[in-house]
Amino acid sequence: MLIFSGISLQPSFQLIAVNYLKKIKNFSFVCIFLQYHSLPDNLDLARYLIEESQTVREKDEDELGNLKIKREKSFQYGLDILIRLKKYEEVFIALINKGMLSDALIFVKKYKINVNFLSDENVKKITLLVKENKLLVLDYLIS
């Protein structure tokens, strides 16, 4: 309601809201907040969603299908927020960490990302992915 009225939220409130979402661990509730734009785009929220998509918890076999869908949604929500915030480098890193090399290469090309900022750990991951996917990288370089 505040956002639609043009009243900006203080960063401290945004941090409290993200910490609350982390504490309750209710993804359906998070989806409702995101669907109705109750929370403004925020870097901490995007990082939380991406981290949440990568966590592995022991669940009943019946819930495994739902868990996979929740992880995919969480990852996509986090990427969407990062793109709206124009944090393209973080999107690239998230795609690489998820092992989505082809998507990462397309993203680099589309947004003209400078990859000189990469840490040694990320360079090692990319090197390994490139070795495993030589044909994909060659297609990217040729096109």
Protein backbone atom coordinates (compact mmCIF):
# COMPACT_ATOMS: atom_id res chain seq x y z
CA MET A 1 0.00 0.00 0.00
CA LEU A 2 2.81 2.40 0.84
CA ILE A 3 4.56 1.73 -2.45
CA PHE A 4 1.42 2.38 -4.49
CA SER A 5 0.96 5.66 -2.60
CA GLY A 6 4.45 6.75 -3.63
CA ILE A 7 5.89 6.49 -0.13
CA SER A 8 9.32 4.90 -0.19
CA LEU A 9 10.33 2.41 2.46
CA GLN A 10 13.42 2.95 4.51
CA PRO A 11 16.26 0.48 3.83
CA SER A 12 16.14 -0.62 7.47
CA PHE A 13 12.49 -1.67 7.05
CA GLN A 14 13.38 -3.61 3.93
CA LEU A 15 16.14 -5.44 5.82
CA ILE A 16 13.74 -6.25 8.68
CA ALA A 17 11.18 -7.58 6.18
CA VAL A 18 13.75 -9.82 4.48
CA ASN A 19 14.97 -11.12 7.84
CA TYR A 20 11.36 -11.85 8.80
CA LEU A 21 10.82 -13.79 5.58
CA LYS A 22 13.98 -15.79 6.29
CA LYS A 23 12.77 -16.58 9.78
CA ILE A 24 9.27 -17.79 8.89
CA LYS A 25 10.48 -19.94 5.95
CA ASN A 26 7.07 -19.88 4.30
CA PHE A 27 7.59 -19.72 0.55
CA SER A 28 3.87 -19.31 -0.22
CA PHE A 29 3.85 -16.17 1.91
CA VAL A 30 6.93 -14.85 0.10
CA CYS A 31 5.22 -15.50 -3.25
CA ILE A 32 2.19 -13.47 -2.16
CA PHE A 33 4.41 -10.55 -1.17
CA LEU A 34 6.20 -10.70 -4.51
CA GLN A 35 3.06 -11.18 -6.57
CA TYR A 36 1.37 -8.10 -5.13
CA HIS A 37 4.58 -6.04 -5.05
CA SER A 38 4.27 -5.59 -1.30
CA LEU A 39 8.04 -5.48 -1.02
CA PRO A 40 10.15 -3.22 -3.19
CA ASP A 41 13.00 -4.73 -5.17
CA ASN A 42 15.97 -5.05 -2.93
CA LEU A 43 19.35 -6.71 -3.24
CA ASP A 44 19.07 -8.61 0.06
CA LEU A 45 15.72 -10.07 -0.99
CA ALA A 46 17.10 -11.17 -4.36
CA ARG A 47 20.12 -12.80 -2.75
CA TYR A 48 17.90 -14.54 -0.21
CA LEU A 49 15.66 -15.95 -2.94
CA ILE A 50 18.61 -17.25 -4.93
CA GLU A 51 20.20 -18.79 -1.83
CA GLU A 52 16.87 -20.34 -0.88
CA SER A 53 16.64 -21.96 -4.30
CA GLN A 54 19.92 -23.75 -3.67
CA THR A 55 19.25 -25.07 -0.17
CA VAL A 56 18.64 -28.78 0.20
CA ARG A 57 16.37 -29.97 2.98
CA GLU A 58 15.21 -33.44 3.89
CA LYS A 59 11.53 -33.76 2.89
CA ASP A 60 8.96 -36.48 2.40
CA GLU A 61 8.92 -38.05 -1.05
CA ASP A 62 5.48 -36.49 -1.69
CA GLU A 63 6.91 -33.02 -1.24
CA LEU A 64 9.93 -33.44 -3.54
CA GLY A 65 7.99 -32.33 -6.65
CA ASN A 66 6.69 -29.24 -4.87
CA LEU A 67 10.14 -28.50 -3.53
CA LYS A 68 11.63 -28.52 -7.02
CA ILE A 69 8.94 -26.12 -8.28
CA LYS A 70 9.48 -23.82 -5.28
CA ARG A 71 13.24 -23.77 -5.88
CA GLU A 72 12.77 -22.91 -9.56
CA LYS A 73 10.32 -20.10 -8.70
CA SER A 74 12.58 -18.77 -5.99
CA PHE A 75 15.56 -18.69 -8.34
CA GLN A 76 13.54 -16.95 -11.06
CA TYR A 77 12.13 -14.37 -8.62
CA GLY A 78 15.65 -13.62 -7.41
CA LEU A 79 16.95 -13.23 -10.98
CA ASP A 80 14.02 -10.99 -11.92
CA ILE A 81 14.72 -8.68 -8.99
CA LEU A 82 18.44 -8.53 -9.83
CA ILE A 83 17.64 -7.65 -13.44
CA ARG A 84 15.25 -4.88 -12.39
CA LEU A 85 17.98 -3.56 -10.08
CA LYS A 86 20.44 -3.77 -13.00
CA LYS A 87 22.76 -6.06 -11.04
CA TYR A 88 23.72 -7.97 -14.17
CA GLU A 89 27.01 -9.25 -12.82
CA GLU A 90 25.19 -10.94 -9.93
CA VAL A 91 22.75 -12.53 -12.37
CA PHE A 92 25.69 -13.88 -14.35
CA ILE A 93 27.29 -15.34 -11.19
CA ALA A 94 23.98 -16.91 -10.11
CA LEU A 95 23.58 -18.57 -13.50
CA ILE A 96 27.15 -19.88 -13.39
CA ASN A 97 26.71 -21.18 -9.83
CA LYS A 98 23.56 -22.97 -10.94
CA GLY A 99 25.51 -24.59 -13.82
CA MET A 100 23.48 -22.80 -16.48
CA LEU A 101 26.37 -21.94 -18.80
CA SER A 102 24.33 -21.44 -21.97
CA ASP A 103 21.98 -19.02 -20.20
CA ALA A 104 24.97 -17.22 -18.69
CA LEU A 105 26.61 -16.84 -22.12
CA ILE A 106 23.40 -15.48 -23.63
CA PHE A 107 23.07 -13.09 -20.71
CA VAL A 108 26.66 -11.84 -21.10
CA LYS A 109 26.06 -11.17 -24.77
CA LYS A 110 22.70 -9.46 -24.25
CA TYR A 111 23.77 -7.16 -21.42
CA LYS A 112 27.44 -6.67 -22.40
CA ILE A 113 28.70 -7.67 -18.98
CA ASN A 114 32.27 -6.99 -17.97
CA VAL A 115 33.64 -10.22 -16.48
CA ASN A 116 36.86 -8.73 -15.11
CA PHE A 117 35.29 -8.59 -11.63
CA LEU A 118 35.16 -12.38 -11.18
CA SER A 119 36.71 -14.00 -8.14
CA ASP A 120 39.19 -16.87 -8.45
CA GLU A 121 36.52 -19.32 -7.31
CA ASN A 122 34.13 -18.21 -10.05
CA VAL A 123 36.88 -18.32 -12.67
CA LYS A 124 37.55 -21.95 -11.69
CA LYS A 125 33.83 -22.79 -12.01
CA ILE A 126 33.63 -21.16 -15.42
CA THR A 127 36.81 -22.90 -16.59
CA LEU A 128 35.39 -26.26 -15.55
CA LEU A 129 32.06 -25.53 -17.27
CA VAL A 130 33.84 -24.42 -20.44
CA LYS A 131 35.90 -27.63 -20.51
CA GLU A 132 32.73 -29.70 -20.09
CA ASN A 133 30.82 -27.74 -22.76
CA LYS A 134 33.37 -26.94 -25.45
CA LEU A 135 30.87 -27.13 -28.33
CA LEU A 136 28.48 -24.75 -26.60
CA VAL A 137 31.23 -22.20 -26.06
CA LEU A 138 32.43 -22.53 -29.66
CA ASP A 139 28.88 -21.90 -30.89
CA TYR A 140 28.74 -18.83 -28.67
CA LEU A 141 32.06 -17.49 -29.96
CA ILE A 142 31.16 -18.06 -33.61
CA SER A 143 27.73 -16.42 -33.44
